[in-house]
Amino acid sequence: MADLKKERLGEGEILLKKLRRLRLRAAGARRDDRARLLALMDDIETVRRKLLRECALLEEEFRVAAVRVTALNTYARVAQTSGRPPREN
């Protein structure tokens, strides 16, 4: 699973760079070049959808991390109140 995260780590950056390039291409396109503009709109929409998926994945990772932090804090509080030192693995 760690390898999958490492592979995905730069995907958001790559998508943002691609979006910047598409914006530059769109700025340079002529208004009467309908086919090129439609293709650019399609490419931009594709990148937008991928970025939204990336955001959803990050939100899920943050949610899981928050649950883990809460669990660890609770474990630490219980360990302190019980008077016994926390168990080492």
PDB file of N, CA and C in Angstrom:
ATOM      1  N   MET A   1       0.811  -1.184   0.000  1.00  0.00           N
ATOM      2  CA  MET A   1       0.000   0.000   0.000  1.00  0.00           C
ATOM      3  C   MET A   1       0.859   1.254   0.000  1.00  0.00           C
ATOM      4  N   ALA A   2       1.989   1.211   0.658  1.00  0.00           N
ATOM      5  CA  ALA A   2       2.884   2.364   0.686  1.00  0.00           C
ATOM      6  C   ALA A   2       3.401   2.671  -0.714  1.00  0.00           C
ATOM      7  N   ASP A   3       3.655   1.616  -1.506  1.00  0.00           N
ATOM      8  CA  ASP A   3       4.122   1.828  -2.868  1.00  0.00           C
ATOM      9  C   ASP A   3       3.068   2.534  -3.706  1.00  0.00           C
ATOM     10  N   LEU A   4       1.819   2.178  -3.513  1.00  0.00           N
ATOM     11  CA  LEU A   4       0.733   2.815  -4.244  1.00  0.00           C
ATOM     12  C   LEU A   4       0.665   4.299  -3.898  1.00  0.00           C
ATOM     13  N   LYS A   5       0.837   4.646  -2.627  1.00  0.00           N
ATOM     14  CA  LYS A   5       0.823   6.043  -2.221  1.00  0.00           C
ATOM     15  C   LYS A   5       1.998   6.798  -2.816  1.00  0.00           C
ATOM     16  N   LYS A   6       3.171   6.159  -2.867  1.00  0.00           N
ATOM     17  CA  LYS A   6       4.339   6.811  -3.458  1.00  0.00           C
ATOM     18  C   LYS A   6       4.106   7.082  -4.940  1.00  0.00           C
ATOM     19  N   GLU A   7       3.498   6.135  -5.640  1.00  0.00           N
ATOM     20  CA  GLU A   7       3.216   6.321  -7.060  1.00  0.00           C
ATOM     21  C   GLU A   7       2.226   7.453  -7.263  1.00  0.00           C
ATOM     22  N   ARG A   8       1.221   7.541  -6.388  1.00  0.00           N
ATOM     23  CA  ARG A   8       0.167   8.524  -6.530  1.00  0.00           C
ATOM     24  C   ARG A   8       0.571   9.882  -5.998  1.00  0.00           C
ATOM     25  N   LEU A   9       1.662   9.949  -5.259  1.00  0.00           N
ATOM     26  CA  LEU A   9       2.058  11.161  -4.573  1.00  0.00           C
ATOM     27  C   LEU A   9       2.159  12.351  -5.515  1.00  0.00           C
ATOM     28  N   GLY A  10       2.742  12.170  -6.685  1.00  0.00           N
ATOM     29  CA  GLY A  10       2.941  13.275  -7.608  1.00  0.00           C
ATOM     30  C   GLY A  10       1.842  13.457  -8.621  1.00  0.00           C
ATOM     31  N   GLU A  11       0.794  12.639  -8.564  1.00  0.00           N
ATOM     32  CA  GLU A  11      -0.248  12.711  -9.581  1.00  0.00           C
ATOM     33  C   GLU A  11      -0.967  14.050  -9.571  1.00  0.00           C
ATOM     34  N   GLY A  12      -1.248  14.587  -8.391  1.00  0.00           N
ATOM     35  CA  GLY A  12      -1.913  15.887  -8.303  1.00  0.00           C
ATOM     36  C   GLY A  12      -1.079  16.988  -8.913  1.00  0.00           C
ATOM     37  N   GLU A  13       0.220  16.962  -8.653  1.00  0.00           N
ATOM     38  CA  GLU A  13       1.123  17.966  -9.231  1.00  0.00           C
ATOM     39  C   GLU A  13       1.151  17.861 -10.754  1.00  0.00           C
ATOM     40  N   ILE A  14       1.181  16.634 -11.247  1.00  0.00           N
ATOM     41  CA  ILE A  14       1.191  16.424 -12.701  1.00  0.00           C
ATOM     42  C   ILE A  14      -0.091  16.969 -13.321  1.00  0.00           C
ATOM     43  N   LEU A  15      -1.219  16.714 -12.662  1.00  0.00           N
ATOM     44  CA  LEU A  15      -2.500  17.201 -13.177  1.00  0.00           C
ATOM     45  C   LEU A  15      -2.556  18.721 -13.166  1.00  0.00           C
ATOM     46  N   LEU A  16      -2.024  19.351 -12.122  1.00  0.00           N
ATOM     47  CA  LEU A  16      -2.017  20.810 -12.069  1.00  0.00           C
ATOM     48  C   LEU A  16      -1.138  21.407 -13.160  1.00  0.00           C
ATOM     49  N   LYS A  17       0.005  20.775 -13.429  1.00  0.00           N
ATOM     50  CA  LYS A  17       0.870  21.241 -14.518  1.00  0.00           C
ATOM     51  C   LYS A  17       0.165  21.100 -15.858  1.00  0.00           C
ATOM     52  N   LYS A  18      -0.524  19.989 -16.047  1.00  0.00           N
ATOM     53  CA  LYS A  18      -1.259  19.773 -17.295  1.00  0.00           C
ATOM     54  C   LYS A  18      -2.356  20.825 -17.452  1.00  0.00           C
ATOM     55  N   LEU A  19      -3.031  21.145 -16.352  1.00  0.00           N
ATOM     56  CA  LEU A  19      -4.076  22.161 -16.393  1.00  0.00           C
ATOM     57  C   LEU A  19      -3.498  23.524 -16.771  1.00  0.00           C
ATOM     58  N   ARG A  20      -2.329  23.862 -16.240  1.00  0.00           N
ATOM     59  CA  ARG A  20      -1.673  25.127 -16.608  1.00  0.00           C
ATOM     60  C   ARG A  20      -1.353  25.157 -18.098  1.00  0.00           C
ATOM     61  N   ARG A  21      -0.835  24.046 -18.618  1.00  0.00           N
ATOM     62  CA  ARG A  21      -0.521  23.983 -20.056  1.00  0.00           C
ATOM     63  C   ARG A  21      -1.784  24.136 -20.903  1.00  0.00           C
ATOM     64  N   LEU A  22      -2.872  23.495 -20.456  1.00  0.00           N
ATOM     65  CA  LEU A  22      -4.136  23.608 -21.186  1.00  0.00           C
ATOM     66  C   LEU A  22      -4.660  25.040 -21.160  1.00  0.00           C
ATOM     67  N   ARG A  23      -4.487  25.711 -20.031  1.00  0.00           N
ATOM     68  CA  ARG A  23      -4.911  27.117 -19.948  1.00  0.00           C
ATOM     69  C   ARG A  23      -4.125  27.978 -20.918  1.00  0.00           C
ATOM     70  N   LEU A  24      -2.827  27.735 -21.028  1.00  0.00           N
ATOM     71  CA  LEU A  24      -2.002  28.490 -21.976  1.00  0.00           C
ATOM     72  C   LEU A  24      -2.433  28.211 -23.411  1.00  0.00           C
ATOM     73  N   ARG A  25      -2.717  26.943 -23.708  1.00  0.00           N
ATOM     74  CA  ARG A  25      -3.194  26.606 -25.050  1.00  0.00           C
ATOM     75  C   ARG A  25      -4.534  27.259 -25.339  1.00  0.00           C
ATOM     76  N   ALA A  26      -5.400  27.289 -24.343  1.00  0.00           N
ATOM     77  CA  ALA A  26      -6.715  27.907 -24.527  1.00  0.00           C
ATOM     78  C   ALA A  26      -6.575  29.414 -24.738  1.00  0.00           C
ATOM     79  N   ALA A  27      -5.644  30.039 -24.041  1.00  0.00           N
ATOM     80  CA  ALA A  27      -5.435  31.479 -24.201  1.00  0.00           C
ATOM     81  C   ALA A  27      -4.918  31.804 -25.599  1.00  0.00           C
ATOM     82  N   GLY A  28      -4.151  30.885 -26.175  1.00  0.00           N
ATOM     83  CA  GLY A  28      -3.592  31.122 -27.508  1.00  0.00           C
ATOM     84  C   GLY A  28      -4.500  30.685 -28.644  1.00  0.00           C
ATOM     85  N   ALA A  29      -5.602  30.048 -28.345  1.00  0.00           N
ATOM     86  CA  ALA A  29      -6.508  29.552 -29.397  1.00  0.00           C
ATOM     87  C   ALA A  29      -7.330  30.707 -29.970  1.00  0.00           C
ATOM     88  N   ARG A  30      -7.600  30.607 -31.248  1.00  0.00           N
ATOM     89  CA  ARG A  30      -8.441  31.618 -31.903  1.00  0.00           C
ATOM     90  C   ARG A  30      -9.901  31.294 -31.630  1.00  0.00           C
ATOM     91  N   ARG A  31     -10.707  32.325 -31.557  1.00  0.00           N
ATOM     92  CA  ARG A  31     -12.131  32.139 -31.273  1.00  0.00           C
ATOM     93  C   ARG A  31     -12.856  31.384 -32.380  1.00  0.00           C
ATOM     94  N   ASP A  32     -12.369  31.496 -33.585  1.00  0.00           N
ATOM     95  CA  ASP A  32     -13.054  30.833 -34.702  1.00  0.00           C
ATOM     96  C   ASP A  32     -12.595  29.391 -34.921  1.00  0.00           C
ATOM     97  N   ASP A  33     -11.668  28.913 -34.105  1.00  0.00           N
ATOM     98  CA  ASP A  33     -11.179  27.536 -34.226  1.00  0.00           C
ATOM     99  C   ASP A  33     -12.001  26.645 -33.298  1.00  0.00           C
ATOM    100  N   ARG A  34     -13.225  26.370 -33.708  1.00  0.00           N
ATOM    101  CA  ARG A  34     -14.188  25.654 -32.885  1.00  0.00           C
ATOM    102  C   ARG A  34     -13.701  24.248 -32.501  1.00  0.00           C
ATOM    103  N   ALA A  35     -13.126  23.528 -33.435  1.00  0.00           N
ATOM    104  CA  ALA A  35     -12.677  22.159 -33.155  1.00  0.00           C
ATOM    105  C   ALA A  35     -11.593  22.145 -32.073  1.00  0.00           C
ATOM    106  N   ARG A  36     -10.659  23.080 -32.173  1.00  0.00           N
ATOM    107  CA  ARG A  36      -9.584  23.132 -31.178  1.00  0.00           C
ATOM    108  C   ARG A  36     -10.132  23.519 -29.806  1.00  0.00           C
ATOM    109  N   LEU A  37     -11.050  24.468 -29.779  1.00  0.00           N
ATOM    110  CA  LEU A  37     -11.640  24.885 -28.510  1.00  0.00           C
ATOM    111  C   LEU A  37     -12.437  23.756 -27.863  1.00  0.00           C
ATOM    112  N   LEU A  38     -13.175  23.008 -28.671  1.00  0.00           N
ATOM    113  CA  LEU A  38     -13.935  21.876 -28.122  1.00  0.00           C
ATOM    114  C   LEU A  38     -12.997  20.814 -27.549  1.00  0.00           C
ATOM    115  N   ALA A  39     -11.903  20.548 -28.263  1.00  0.00           N
ATOM    116  CA  ALA A  39     -10.929  19.570 -27.768  1.00  0.00           C
ATOM    117  C   ALA A  39     -10.298  20.045 -26.459  1.00  0.00           C
ATOM    118  N   LEU A  40      -9.982  21.345 -26.386  1.00  0.00           N
ATOM    119  CA  LEU A  40      -9.414  21.894 -25.154  1.00  0.00           C
ATOM    120  C   LEU A  40     -10.412  21.804 -24.000  1.00  0.00           C
ATOM    121  N   MET A  41     -11.667  22.106 -24.274  1.00  0.00           N
ATOM    122  CA  MET A  41     -12.693  22.010 -23.233  1.00  0.00           C
ATOM    123  C   MET A  41     -12.816  20.575 -22.722  1.00  0.00           C
ATOM    124  N   ASP A  42     -12.749  19.619 -23.627  1.00  0.00           N
ATOM    125  CA  ASP A  42     -12.823  18.214 -23.232  1.00  0.00           C
ATOM    126  C   ASP A  42     -11.620  17.827 -22.374  1.00  0.00           C
ATOM    127  N   ASP A  43     -10.428  18.255 -22.793  1.00  0.00           N
ATOM    128  CA  ASP A  43      -9.211  17.952 -22.026  1.00  0.00           C
ATOM    129  C   ASP A  43      -9.267  18.589 -20.636  1.00  0.00           C
ATOM    130  N   ILE A  44      -9.735  19.828 -20.576  1.00  0.00           N
ATOM    131  CA  ILE A  44      -9.830  20.520 -19.294  1.00  0.00           C
ATOM    132  C   ILE A  44     -10.835  19.812 -18.382  1.00  0.00           C
ATOM    133  N   GLU A  45     -11.950  19.388 -18.933  1.00  0.00           N
ATOM    134  CA  GLU A  45     -12.953  18.673 -18.129  1.00  0.00           C
ATOM    135  C   GLU A  45     -12.400  17.341 -17.612  1.00  0.00           C
ATOM    136  N   THR A  46     -11.631  16.655 -18.442  1.00  0.00           N
ATOM    137  CA  THR A  46     -11.018  15.389 -18.017  1.00  0.00           C
ATOM    138  C   THR A  46     -10.067  15.620 -16.845  1.00  0.00           C
ATOM    139  N   VAL A  47      -9.219  16.638 -16.954  1.00  0.00           N
ATOM    140  CA  VAL A  47      -8.276  16.948 -15.882  1.00  0.00           C
ATOM    141  C   VAL A  47      -9.032  17.363 -14.617  1.00  0.00           C
ATOM    142  N   ARG A  48     -10.102  18.136 -14.787  1.00  0.00           N
ATOM    143  CA  ARG A  48     -10.906  18.572 -13.649  1.00  0.00           C
ATOM    144  C   ARG A  48     -11.490  17.373 -12.893  1.00  0.00           C
ATOM    145  N   ARG A  49     -12.018  16.388 -13.653  1.00  0.00           N
ATOM    146  CA  ARG A  49     -12.573  15.197 -13.016  1.00  0.00           C
ATOM    147  C   ARG A  49     -11.502  14.410 -12.262  1.00  0.00           C
ATOM    148  N   LYS A  50     -10.320  14.303 -12.860  1.00  0.00           N
ATOM    149  CA  LYS A  50      -9.229  13.587 -12.196  1.00  0.00           C
ATOM    150  C   LYS A  50      -8.798  14.310 -10.919  1.00  0.00           C
ATOM    151  N   LEU A  51      -8.762  15.647 -10.959  1.00  0.00           N
ATOM    152  CA  LEU A  51      -8.414  16.411  -9.769  1.00  0.00           C
ATOM    153  C   LEU A  51      -9.470  16.247  -8.672  1.00  0.00           C
ATOM    154  N   LEU A  52     -10.726  16.196  -9.058  1.00  0.00           N
ATOM    155  CA  LEU A  52     -11.790  15.966  -8.072  1.00  0.00           C
ATOM    156  C   LEU A  52     -11.655  14.596  -7.421  1.00  0.00           C
ATOM    157  N   ARG A  53     -11.289  13.581  -8.221  1.00  0.00           N
ATOM    158  CA  ARG A  53     -11.060  12.244  -7.649  1.00  0.00           C
ATOM    159  C   ARG A  53      -9.885  12.274  -6.682  1.00  0.00           C
ATOM    160  N   GLU A  54      -8.825  12.983  -7.074  1.00  0.00           N
ATOM    161  CA  GLU A  54      -7.643  13.102  -6.208  1.00  0.00           C
ATOM    162  C   GLU A  54      -8.019  13.790  -4.892  1.00  0.00           C
ATOM    163  N   CYS A  55      -8.837  14.823  -4.970  1.00  0.00           N
ATOM    164  CA  CYS A  55      -9.306  15.520  -3.755  1.00  0.00           C
ATOM    165  C   CYS A  55     -10.102  14.578  -2.864  1.00  0.00           C
ATOM    166  N   ALA A  56     -10.962  13.777  -3.467  1.00  0.00           N
ATOM    167  CA  ALA A  56     -11.768  12.834  -2.689  1.00  0.00           C
ATOM    168  C   ALA A  56     -10.874  11.813  -1.983  1.00  0.00           C
ATOM    169  N   LEU A  57      -9.847  11.340  -2.673  1.00  0.00           N
ATOM    170  CA  LEU A  57      -8.914  10.394  -2.045  1.00  0.00           C
ATOM    171  C   LEU A  57      -8.164  11.041  -0.879  1.00  0.00           C
ATOM    172  N   LEU A  58      -7.749  12.283  -1.070  1.00  0.00           N
ATOM    173  CA  LEU A  58      -7.047  12.984   0.007  1.00  0.00           C
ATOM    174  C   LEU A  58      -7.965  13.227   1.196  1.00  0.00           C
ATOM    175  N   GLU A  59      -9.209  13.585   0.929  1.00  0.00           N
ATOM    176  CA  GLU A  59     -10.169  13.770   2.015  1.00  0.00           C
ATOM    177  C   GLU A  59     -10.348  12.481   2.815  1.00  0.00           C
ATOM    178  N   GLU A  60     -10.412  11.361   2.125  1.00  0.00           N
ATOM    179  CA  GLU A  60     -10.558  10.075   2.806  1.00  0.00           C
ATOM    180  C   GLU A  60      -9.322   9.771   3.650  1.00  0.00           C
ATOM    181  N   GLU A  61      -8.130  10.061   3.116  1.00  0.00           N
ATOM    182  CA  GLU A  61      -6.906   9.832   3.882  1.00  0.00           C
ATOM    183  C   GLU A  61      -6.865  10.719   5.125  1.00  0.00           C
ATOM    184  N   PHE A  62      -7.301  11.972   4.997  1.00  0.00           N
ATOM    185  CA  PHE A  62      -7.356  12.863   6.162  1.00  0.00           C
ATOM    186  C   PHE A  62      -8.352  12.348   7.192  1.00  0.00           C
ATOM    187  N   ARG A  63      -9.490  11.844   6.725  1.00  0.00           N
ATOM    188  CA  ARG A  63     -10.505  11.327   7.640  1.00  0.00           C
ATOM    189  C   ARG A  63      -9.956  10.132   8.424  1.00  0.00           C
ATOM    190  N   VAL A  64      -9.308   9.230   7.725  1.00  0.00           N
ATOM    191  CA  VAL A  64      -8.722   8.052   8.381  1.00  0.00           C
ATOM    192  C   VAL A  64      -7.639   8.481   9.365  1.00  0.00           C
ATOM    193  N   ALA A  65      -6.814   9.444   8.979  1.00  0.00           N
ATOM    194  CA  ALA A  65      -5.758   9.922   9.883  1.00  0.00           C
ATOM    195  C   ALA A  65      -6.361  10.557  11.131  1.00  0.00           C
ATOM    196  N   ALA A  66      -7.444  11.309  10.966  1.00  0.00           N
ATOM    197  CA  ALA A  66      -8.089  11.935  12.122  1.00  0.00           C
ATOM    198  C   ALA A  66      -8.651  10.887  13.067  1.00  0.00           C
ATOM    199  N   VAL A  67      -9.233   9.835  12.524  1.00  0.00           N
ATOM    200  CA  VAL A  67      -9.761   8.756  13.366  1.00  0.00           C
ATOM    201  C   VAL A  67      -8.621   8.080  14.115  1.00  0.00           C
ATOM    202  N   ARG A  68      -7.514   7.863  13.449  1.00  0.00           N
ATOM    203  CA  ARG A  68      -6.361   7.230  14.107  1.00  0.00           C
ATOM    204  C   ARG A  68      -5.812   8.106  15.224  1.00  0.00           C
ATOM    205  N   VAL A  69      -5.725   9.412  14.971  1.00  0.00           N
ATOM    206  CA  VAL A  69      -5.222  10.328  16.008  1.00  0.00           C
ATOM    207  C   VAL A  69      -6.144  10.299  17.218  1.00  0.00           C
ATOM    208  N   THR A  70      -7.444  10.319  16.972  1.00  0.00           N
ATOM    209  CA  THR A  70      -8.408  10.259  18.073  1.00  0.00           C
ATOM    210  C   THR A  70      -8.235   8.962  18.867  1.00  0.00           C
ATOM    211  N   ALA A  71      -8.072   7.860  18.169  1.00  0.00           N
ATOM    212  CA  ALA A  71      -7.890   6.571  18.846  1.00  0.00           C
ATOM    213  C   ALA A  71      -6.597   6.557  19.663  1.00  0.00           C
ATOM    214  N   LEU A  72      -5.530   7.087  19.104  1.00  0.00           N
ATOM    215  CA  LEU A  72      -4.255   7.121  19.833  1.00  0.00           C
ATOM    216  C   LEU A  72      -4.348   8.021  21.063  1.00  0.00           C
ATOM    217  N   ASN A  73      -5.003   9.156  20.920  1.00  0.00           N
ATOM    218  CA  ASN A  73      -5.171  10.046  22.073  1.00  0.00           C
ATOM    219  C   ASN A  73      -5.989   9.376  23.171  1.00  0.00           C
ATOM    220  N   THR A  74      -7.037   8.681  22.774  1.00  0.00           N
ATOM    221  CA  THR A  74      -7.861   7.967  23.750  1.00  0.00           C
ATOM    222  C   THR A  74      -7.051   6.876  24.433  1.00  0.00           C
ATOM    223  N   TYR A  75      -6.282   6.131  23.666  1.00  0.00           N
ATOM    224  CA  TYR A  75      -5.430   5.080  24.232  1.00  0.00           C
ATOM    225  C   TYR A  75      -4.448   5.674  25.234  1.00  0.00           C
ATOM    226  N   ALA A  76      -3.849   6.816  24.881  1.00  0.00           N
ATOM    227  CA  ALA A  76      -2.872   7.447  25.768  1.00  0.00           C
ATOM    228  C   ALA A  76      -3.539   7.911  27.060  1.00  0.00           C
ATOM    229  N   ARG A  77      -4.752   8.475  26.967  1.00  0.00           N
ATOM    230  CA  ARG A  77      -5.459   8.919  28.165  1.00  0.00           C
ATOM    231  C   ARG A  77      -5.801   7.746  29.075  1.00  0.00           C
ATOM    232  N   VAL A  78      -6.262   6.653  28.491  1.00  0.00           N
ATOM    233  CA  VAL A  78      -6.605   5.473  29.274  1.00  0.00           C
ATOM    234  C   VAL A  78      -5.355   4.904  29.931  1.00  0.00           C
ATOM    235  N   ALA A  79      -4.263   4.884  29.187  1.00  0.00           N
ATOM    236  CA  ALA A  79      -3.014   4.351  29.741  1.00  0.00           C
ATOM    237  C   ALA A  79      -2.529   5.203  30.906  1.00  0.00           C
ATOM    238  N   GLN A  80      -2.706   6.520  30.823  1.00  0.00           N
ATOM    239  CA  GLN A  80      -2.270   7.401  31.915  1.00  0.00           C
ATOM    240  C   GLN A  80      -3.150   7.235  33.142  1.00  0.00           C
ATOM    241  N   THR A  81      -4.442   7.049  32.949  1.00  0.00           N
ATOM    242  CA  THR A  81      -5.340   6.955  34.099  1.00  0.00           C
ATOM    243  C   THR A  81      -5.265   5.595  34.782  1.00  0.00           C
ATOM    244  N   SER A  82      -4.833   4.572  34.077  1.00  0.00           N
ATOM    245  CA  SER A  82      -4.808   3.233  34.662  1.00  0.00           C
ATOM    246  C   SER A  82      -3.611   3.057  35.590  1.00  0.00           C
ATOM    247  N   GLY A  83      -2.619   3.948  35.508  1.00  0.00           N
ATOM    248  CA  GLY A  83      -1.467   3.850  36.402  1.00  0.00           C
ATOM    249  C   GLY A  83      -0.415   2.895  35.916  1.00  0.00           C
ATOM    250  N   ARG A  84      -0.712   2.180  34.852  1.00  0.00           N
ATOM    251  CA  ARG A  84       0.285   1.243  34.295  1.00  0.00           C
ATOM    252  C   ARG A  84       0.955   1.919  33.110  1.00  0.00           C
ATOM    253  N   PRO A  85       2.223   1.622  32.902  1.00  0.00           N
ATOM    254  CA  PRO A  85       2.903   2.186  31.730  1.00  0.00           C
ATOM    255  C   PRO A  85       2.317   1.567  30.445  1.00  0.00           C
ATOM    256  N   PRO A  86       2.275   2.346  29.367  1.00  0.00           N
ATOM    257  CA  PRO A  86       1.733   1.807  28.120  1.00  0.00           C
ATOM    258  C   PRO A  86       2.554   0.608  27.631  1.00  0.00           C
ATOM    259  N   ARG A  87       1.874  -0.304  27.015  1.00  0.00           N
ATOM    260  CA  ARG A  87       2.497  -1.526  26.515  1.00  0.00           C
ATOM    261  C   ARG A  87       3.361  -1.193  25.312  1.00  0.00           C
ATOM    262  N   GLU A  88       4.574  -1.737  25.303  1.00  0.00           N
ATOM    263  CA  GLU A  88       5.484  -1.537  24.164  1.00  0.00           C
ATOM    264  C   GLU A  88       5.416  -2.770  23.272  1.00  0.00           C
ATOM    265  N   ASN A  89       5.458  -2.518  21.954  1.00  0.00           N
ATOM    266  CA  ASN A  89       5.394  -3.622  20.991  1.00  0.00           C
ATOM    267  C   ASN A  89       6.736  -4.134  20.665  1.00  0.00           C
TER     268      ASN A  89
END
